[in-house]
Amino acid sequence: MKISENQNLKDYNTFGMEVFARRFLQIENAGEVPALITEYLHQEPFYILGGGSNTLFTKDFDGSIVHPVFTGIEVVEQAWDAVVLRVAAGEPWDNLIQYCIRHELFGIENLTGIPGWVGSAPVQNIGAYGVEVKDTILKVEGYVISTGKSLTLSNAECRFAYRNSIFKQELKHDFIITHVWFQLSKKKHFTLSYQGLAKALEERELPLTLHSVSDCVRKIRDTKLPDPKIVGNGGSFFKNPVIPEEKYHELQTNFPDLVAYDAPDGLKKLSAGQLIEKAGWKGKRLGNAGTWKNQALVLVNYGGATPKEVLEVAETIIHDVNSLFDITLEMEINRI
């Protein structure tokens, strides 16, 4: 475990917010977690920080930032049609994607390019282009902070939902993920329900392979989303709202081109990006913060933005979308 004091977090969050943590604890193997809990996490505020891609620090953090960096991808079970992988929390998400492509394992290729680490994937139940990570997760290992005991949760026990899980509910701030188990298919199959992906593959006349699908996803993302190494951002800032079908049809009266996807229980999922764009916010800025020119769902730090400026943009967007559609957007990003 590496410990530093008064750590600048600018390089540890993709928004590039220059805030400081009183203590920074870098965890280099899962075996250090019990001592970490005993020595630090029962004594002061803490926050578990992975790749920093879904986090907006709004001020200096007066406590301990826990930063797990241990990595590893292990094959634990193998059959003719499937493989089970046990992956360490600190493994970069895209490293796992590339591993699966090399070994021809199907199931998560549509999630190419999502920033962050494996340990964050089940917390957020990350998803993109018709795929959610919950559909490949077998179980999640970690430690309950309040008891210090190890605990393994099955897929059902994780209570996955749209951008949600038990780790954001009952176990919020009370669980450290050390490993995630994935069950991936050896049988060739793809999810091409997202129209833009299917169209891109058709236009490029590529053979249907893991590499071609992953490459198309990455190119689509690159046209819409800024590289956080160049323009600070935290990815999608708001959740796509889910509304009753009746309300959707009412909105179509004034907005006939409103995009919607079927959601469970007969509901409709709208595009938050489209709502924000229709509210006049695509590429707009206030001071040093604003929305990205190619994707209104992404709030960005145009350079030197303060947390206050980013939040002002977010709150104004929420107000304007609510005024236009009578829909209240919910922030997807973690505000600390």
Protein backbone atom coordinates (compact mmCIF):
# COMPACT_ATOMS: atom_id res chain seq x y z
CA MET A 1 0.00 0.00 0.00
CA LYS A 2 1.39 3.39 -1.02
CA ILE A 3 0.30 6.34 1.08
CA SER A 4 0.60 10.01 0.21
CA GLU A 5 -0.70 13.16 1.89
CA ASN A 6 -2.37 16.21 0.35
CA GLN A 7 -2.55 14.49 -3.04
CA ASN A 8 -3.52 16.53 -6.10
CA LEU A 9 -6.29 14.56 -7.85
CA LYS A 10 -6.14 16.37 -11.20
CA ASP A 11 -4.49 13.39 -12.91
CA TYR A 12 -6.87 10.92 -11.24
CA ASN A 13 -10.18 12.24 -12.59
CA THR A 14 -11.03 12.59 -16.27
CA PHE A 15 -12.78 15.92 -15.70
CA GLY A 16 -9.37 17.31 -14.77
CA MET A 17 -10.62 19.01 -11.60
CA GLU A 18 -7.71 20.28 -9.53
CA VAL A 19 -8.76 19.29 -6.03
CA PHE A 20 -6.77 17.71 -3.22
CA ALA A 21 -7.26 14.67 -0.99
CA ARG A 22 -5.96 14.74 2.56
CA ARG A 23 -4.79 11.13 2.16
CA PHE A 24 -4.32 8.96 -0.94
CA LEU A 25 -4.12 5.18 -0.49
CA GLN A 26 -2.94 3.18 -3.50
CA ILE A 27 -3.82 -0.50 -3.04
CA GLU A 28 -1.46 -2.79 -4.94
CA ASN A 29 -3.01 -6.18 -4.22
CA ALA A 30 -6.35 -7.47 -2.97
CA GLY A 31 -4.73 -8.93 0.16
CA GLU A 32 -4.18 -5.39 1.48
CA VAL A 33 -7.89 -4.64 1.68
CA PRO A 34 -8.60 -6.08 5.18
CA ALA A 35 -5.78 -3.98 6.69
CA LEU A 36 -6.97 -0.96 4.74
CA ILE A 37 -10.44 -1.30 6.24
CA THR A 38 -9.17 -1.77 9.78
CA GLU A 39 -6.55 0.97 9.74
CA TYR A 40 -8.25 3.71 7.74
CA LEU A 41 -11.82 3.24 6.60
CA HIS A 42 -13.42 3.04 10.04
CA GLN A 43 -11.78 6.27 11.11
CA GLU A 44 -12.55 8.93 8.49
CA PRO A 45 -14.48 9.70 5.30
CA PHE A 46 -13.30 7.78 2.25
CA TYR A 47 -14.04 7.39 -1.44
CA ILE A 48 -13.08 4.46 -3.67
CA LEU A 49 -11.67 5.84 -6.91
CA GLY A 50 -11.02 3.70 -9.97
CA GLY A 51 -10.19 5.30 -13.30
CA GLY A 52 -11.94 8.52 -12.29
CA SER A 53 -14.10 8.57 -15.42
CA ASN A 54 -17.51 8.84 -13.79
CA THR A 55 -16.60 11.22 -10.98
CA LEU A 56 -16.92 14.96 -10.51
CA PHE A 57 -14.96 16.24 -7.52
CA THR A 58 -16.73 19.38 -6.36
CA LYS A 59 -14.21 20.34 -3.66
CA ASP A 60 -11.12 19.12 -1.79
CA PHE A 61 -11.67 15.75 -0.11
CA ASP A 62 -11.08 15.78 3.64
CA GLY A 63 -10.46 12.07 4.05
CA SER A 64 -8.91 9.08 2.28
CA ILE A 65 -9.09 8.33 -1.42
CA VAL A 66 -8.76 4.57 -1.96
CA HIS A 67 -7.23 3.78 -5.34
CA PRO A 68 -7.03 0.02 -6.17
CA VAL A 69 -4.47 -0.60 -8.91
CA PHE A 70 -4.06 -4.40 -8.79
CA THR A 71 -4.65 -6.09 -12.14
CA GLY A 72 -4.98 -9.54 -13.65
CA ILE A 73 -7.19 -11.68 -15.91
CA GLU A 74 -7.50 -15.34 -14.95
CA VAL A 75 -9.35 -18.17 -16.69
CA VAL A 76 -11.12 -20.10 -13.94
CA GLU A 77 -13.53 -22.28 -15.94
CA GLN A 78 -13.67 -23.36 -19.55
CA ALA A 79 -16.16 -25.36 -21.58
CA TRP A 80 -16.69 -25.93 -25.30
CA ASP A 81 -19.07 -22.97 -25.53
CA ALA A 82 -18.07 -20.59 -22.72
CA VAL A 83 -15.26 -19.24 -20.55
CA VAL A 84 -15.37 -17.80 -17.05
CA LEU A 85 -12.83 -15.08 -16.29
CA ARG A 86 -11.91 -13.70 -12.88
CA VAL A 87 -10.70 -10.14 -13.41
CA ALA A 88 -9.06 -7.84 -10.85
CA ALA A 89 -10.76 -4.55 -10.02
CA GLY A 90 -7.83 -2.41 -11.17
CA GLU A 91 -7.69 -3.89 -14.66
CA PRO A 92 -8.45 -1.17 -17.25
CA TRP A 93 -11.78 -1.97 -18.91
CA ASP A 94 -10.41 -1.72 -22.43
CA ASN A 95 -7.64 -4.22 -21.55
CA LEU A 96 -10.37 -6.77 -20.86
CA ILE A 97 -12.05 -5.92 -24.17
CA GLN A 98 -8.79 -6.51 -26.05
CA TYR A 99 -8.20 -9.79 -24.18
CA CYS A 100 -11.63 -11.02 -25.26
CA ILE A 101 -11.01 -10.04 -28.88
CA ARG A 102 -7.67 -11.88 -28.92
CA HIS A 103 -9.23 -15.00 -27.44
CA GLU A 104 -12.48 -14.76 -29.44
CA LEU A 105 -14.79 -14.40 -26.46
CA PHE A 106 -18.16 -12.84 -27.25
CA GLY A 107 -20.39 -10.62 -25.12
CA ILE A 108 -18.75 -7.30 -24.25
CA GLU A 109 -17.36 -6.06 -27.58
CA ASN A 110 -20.10 -3.37 -27.80
CA LEU A 111 -18.68 -1.87 -24.60
CA THR A 112 -15.41 -0.97 -26.31
CA GLY A 113 -14.00 2.44 -25.45
CA ILE A 114 -15.83 2.94 -22.17
CA PRO A 115 -13.25 4.53 -19.87
CA GLY A 116 -12.56 3.24 -16.39
CA TRP A 117 -11.60 0.02 -14.67
CA VAL A 118 -13.23 -3.37 -14.26
CA GLY A 119 -14.12 -2.79 -10.61
CA SER A 120 -16.38 0.11 -11.56
CA ALA A 121 -18.29 -1.79 -14.26
CA PRO A 122 -20.78 -3.61 -11.97
CA VAL A 123 -21.33 -0.55 -9.75
CA GLN A 124 -22.67 1.45 -12.67
CA ASN A 125 -23.87 -1.54 -14.69
CA ILE A 126 -22.17 0.07 -17.66
CA GLY A 127 -23.86 -0.25 -21.01
CA ALA A 128 -23.70 0.93 -24.60
CA TYR A 129 -25.00 0.04 -28.07
CA GLY A 130 -27.60 -2.45 -26.87
CA VAL A 131 -25.43 -4.27 -24.32
CA GLU A 132 -25.24 -4.03 -20.51
CA VAL A 133 -22.41 -5.57 -18.53
CA LYS A 134 -24.87 -7.30 -16.17
CA ASP A 135 -25.57 -9.81 -18.93
CA THR A 136 -22.03 -11.19 -18.68
CA ILE A 137 -21.28 -10.87 -14.95
CA LEU A 138 -21.42 -14.13 -13.02
CA LYS A 139 -20.50 -12.78 -9.58
CA VAL A 140 -18.62 -10.03 -7.76
CA GLU A 141 -16.03 -10.48 -5.00
CA GLY A 142 -15.09 -7.97 -2.36
CA TYR A 143 -15.23 -6.88 1.26
CA VAL A 144 -17.99 -5.35 3.35
CA ILE A 145 -16.40 -2.32 5.00
CA SER A 146 -18.65 -2.18 8.08
CA THR A 147 -17.78 -5.77 9.04
CA GLY A 148 -14.39 -6.23 7.36
CA LYS A 149 -15.57 -9.60 6.04
CA SER A 150 -15.20 -10.90 2.49
CA LEU A 151 -18.39 -11.39 0.51
CA THR A 152 -19.17 -12.79 -2.94
CA LEU A 153 -22.42 -11.70 -4.58
CA SER A 154 -24.13 -13.61 -7.39
CA ASN A 155 -25.51 -11.79 -10.40
CA ALA A 156 -29.01 -11.81 -8.88
CA GLU A 157 -27.71 -10.55 -5.54
CA CYS A 158 -26.09 -7.57 -7.30
CA ARG A 159 -29.63 -6.33 -8.16
CA PHE A 160 -28.61 -4.89 -11.47
CA ALA A 161 -30.86 -2.32 -13.11
CA TYR A 162 -30.39 0.49 -15.61
CA ARG A 163 -27.13 2.20 -14.54
CA ASN A 164 -27.75 0.84 -11.07
CA SER A 165 -26.86 -1.98 -8.70
CA ILE A 166 -26.74 -2.90 -5.01
CA PHE A 167 -23.36 -1.14 -4.92
CA LYS A 168 -25.15 2.17 -5.49
CA GLN A 169 -27.93 1.32 -3.05
CA GLU A 170 -27.69 -0.86 0.10
CA LEU A 171 -23.93 -1.36 -0.20
CA LYS A 172 -23.08 2.18 -1.24
CA HIS A 173 -19.89 3.27 0.58
CA ASP A 174 -19.84 -0.12 2.34
CA PHE A 175 -18.21 -2.43 -0.20
CA ILE A 176 -14.86 -2.68 -1.95
CA ILE A 177 -14.86 -4.76 -5.12
CA THR A 178 -11.70 -6.79 -5.61
CA HIS A 179 -12.64 -9.10 -8.51
CA VAL A 180 -15.42 -9.51 -11.06
CA TRP A 181 -16.27 -12.87 -12.65
CA PHE A 182 -17.45 -12.79 -16.28
CA GLN A 183 -19.04 -15.59 -18.27
CA LEU A 184 -18.33 -15.05 -21.96
CA SER A 185 -19.35 -17.07 -24.97
CA LYS A 186 -17.11 -18.94 -27.39
CA LYS A 187 -20.05 -19.18 -29.80
CA LYS A 188 -20.10 -16.46 -32.42
CA HIS A 189 -22.94 -14.03 -31.78
CA PHE A 190 -23.33 -10.26 -31.91
CA THR A 191 -25.78 -7.66 -30.63
CA LEU A 192 -26.58 -5.29 -33.49
CA SER A 193 -29.88 -3.85 -32.24
CA TYR A 194 -28.37 -0.36 -32.10
CA GLN A 195 -29.20 1.07 -35.51
CA GLY A 196 -26.09 3.24 -35.77
CA LEU A 197 -23.78 0.29 -35.20
CA ALA A 198 -25.52 -1.96 -37.72
CA LYS A 199 -25.47 0.85 -40.28
CA ALA A 200 -21.76 1.58 -39.71
CA LEU A 201 -20.85 -2.07 -40.24
CA GLU A 202 -22.94 -2.23 -43.40
CA GLU A 203 -21.47 0.98 -44.83
CA ARG A 204 -17.92 -0.17 -44.24
CA GLU A 205 -18.67 -3.58 -45.77
CA LEU A 206 -16.69 -5.34 -43.09
CA PRO A 207 -16.92 -9.02 -42.22
CA LEU A 208 -18.75 -9.59 -38.95
CA THR A 209 -15.99 -10.25 -36.40
CA LEU A 210 -15.19 -9.22 -32.86
CA HIS A 211 -12.51 -6.91 -34.18
CA SER A 212 -14.77 -5.22 -36.75
CA VAL A 213 -17.61 -4.68 -34.27
CA SER A 214 -15.25 -3.33 -31.63
CA ASP A 215 -13.54 -1.10 -34.17
CA CYS A 216 -16.87 0.31 -35.38
CA VAL A 217 -18.00 1.02 -31.82
CA ARG A 218 -14.75 2.84 -31.12
CA LYS A 219 -15.07 4.95 -34.27
CA ILE A 220 -18.67 5.88 -33.44
CA ARG A 221 -17.65 6.86 -29.92
CA ASP A 222 -14.74 8.91 -31.23
CA THR A 223 -17.05 10.96 -33.45
CA LYS A 224 -19.34 11.76 -30.52
CA LEU A 225 -17.17 11.87 -27.42
CA PRO A 226 -14.06 13.94 -26.64
CA ASP A 227 -10.85 12.29 -25.55
CA PRO A 228 -10.58 13.13 -21.80
CA LYS A 229 -6.81 13.41 -22.19
CA ILE A 230 -7.46 16.40 -24.45
CA VAL A 231 -10.81 17.79 -23.26
CA GLY A 232 -11.76 17.02 -19.66
CA ASN A 233 -15.06 15.18 -19.27
CA GLY A 234 -16.71 12.41 -17.30
CA GLY A 235 -18.56 10.69 -20.13
CA SER A 236 -22.36 10.68 -20.11
CA PHE A 237 -23.38 13.14 -17.41
CA PHE A 238 -27.10 12.27 -17.24
CA LYS A 239 -29.11 9.07 -17.34
CA ASN A 240 -31.51 8.46 -20.20
CA PRO A 241 -34.94 9.12 -18.64
CA VAL A 242 -37.51 6.32 -18.55
CA ILE A 243 -41.13 7.44 -18.81
CA PRO A 244 -44.61 5.90 -19.24
CA GLU A 245 -45.61 5.16 -22.82
CA GLU A 246 -48.60 7.50 -22.50
CA LYS A 247 -46.34 10.44 -21.68
CA TYR A 248 -44.11 9.58 -24.62
CA HIS A 249 -47.08 9.73 -27.00
CA GLU A 250 -48.10 13.06 -25.49
CA LEU A 251 -44.62 14.46 -26.12
CA GLN A 252 -44.74 13.22 -29.73
CA THR A 253 -47.49 15.74 -30.42
CA ASN A 254 -44.97 18.58 -30.18
CA PHE A 255 -41.83 16.54 -30.85
CA PRO A 256 -42.65 13.91 -33.49
CA ASP A 257 -38.98 12.98 -33.99
CA LEU A 258 -38.43 12.13 -30.33
CA VAL A 259 -36.23 9.04 -30.06
CA ALA A 260 -37.44 6.29 -27.73
CA TYR A 261 -36.51 2.70 -26.96
CA ASP A 262 -38.59 0.01 -25.32
CA ALA A 263 -37.85 -0.42 -21.61
CA PRO A 264 -39.09 -3.03 -19.09
CA ASP A 265 -42.67 -2.88 -17.79
CA GLY A 266 -44.00 -1.20 -20.91
CA LEU A 267 -42.00 1.99 -20.34
CA LYS A 268 -40.07 4.08 -22.87
CA LYS A 269 -36.46 5.16 -22.55
CA LEU A 270 -35.72 8.55 -24.10
CA SER A 271 -32.39 9.93 -25.30
CA ALA A 272 -31.15 12.43 -22.72
CA GLY A 273 -28.73 13.75 -25.33
CA GLN A 274 -31.60 14.56 -27.72
CA LEU A 275 -33.61 16.28 -24.97
CA ILE A 276 -30.60 18.41 -24.03
CA GLU A 277 -29.95 19.26 -27.68
CA LYS A 278 -33.59 20.28 -28.23
CA ALA A 279 -33.29 22.50 -25.16
CA GLY A 280 -30.56 24.39 -27.02
CA TRP A 281 -27.55 23.08 -25.14
CA LYS A 282 -25.49 21.20 -27.73
CA GLY A 283 -22.03 22.80 -27.85
CA LYS A 284 -23.08 25.60 -25.50
CA ARG A 285 -20.87 26.81 -22.66
CA LEU A 286 -20.98 28.94 -19.54
CA GLY A 287 -17.53 30.21 -18.70
CA ASN A 288 -15.05 27.35 -18.97
CA ALA A 289 -17.62 24.53 -18.83
CA GLY A 290 -20.32 23.41 -21.23
CA THR A 291 -21.52 20.55 -23.42
CA TRP A 292 -19.57 18.83 -26.17
CA LYS A 293 -20.15 20.02 -29.73
CA ASN A 294 -20.90 16.51 -31.01
CA GLN A 295 -22.83 15.10 -28.05
CA ALA A 296 -24.94 17.25 -25.74
CA LEU A 297 -25.03 14.50 -23.11
CA VAL A 298 -21.35 15.04 -22.33
CA LEU A 299 -20.38 17.96 -20.11
CA VAL A 300 -16.83 19.15 -20.60
CA ASN A 301 -14.09 21.18 -19.02
CA TYR A 302 -12.96 23.49 -21.82
CA GLY A 303 -9.90 24.40 -19.78
CA GLY A 304 -9.59 25.69 -16.26
CA ALA A 305 -13.22 25.03 -15.34
CA THR A 306 -14.10 24.92 -11.66
CA PRO A 307 -16.49 22.37 -10.14
CA LYS A 308 -18.92 25.26 -9.56
CA GLU A 309 -18.97 26.05 -13.29
CA VAL A 310 -19.64 22.42 -14.25
CA LEU A 311 -22.48 22.16 -11.73
CA GLU A 312 -23.98 25.43 -12.93
CA VAL A 313 -24.12 24.04 -16.46
CA ALA A 314 -25.68 20.78 -15.21
CA GLU A 315 -28.31 22.52 -13.08
CA THR A 316 -29.25 24.90 -15.89
CA ILE A 317 -29.65 21.98 -18.29
CA ILE A 318 -31.90 20.17 -15.80
CA HIS A 319 -34.02 23.32 -15.47
CA ASP A 320 -34.29 23.91 -19.22
CA VAL A 321 -35.13 20.29 -20.09
CA ASN A 322 -37.76 20.19 -17.35
CA SER A 323 -39.32 23.43 -18.62
CA LEU A 324 -39.54 22.07 -22.17
CA PHE A 325 -40.50 18.42 -21.60
CA ASP A 326 -41.69 18.20 -17.96
CA ILE A 327 -38.95 15.60 -17.45
CA THR A 328 -36.34 15.87 -14.70
CA LEU A 329 -32.95 14.57 -15.78
CA GLU A 330 -30.99 12.57 -13.22
CA MET A 331 -27.21 12.89 -13.01
CA GLU A 332 -25.39 9.67 -13.83
CA ILE A 333 -22.01 10.95 -12.66
CA ASN A 334 -20.85 10.64 -9.05
CA ARG A 335 -20.54 14.03 -7.36
CA ILE A 336 -18.01 14.04 -4.54
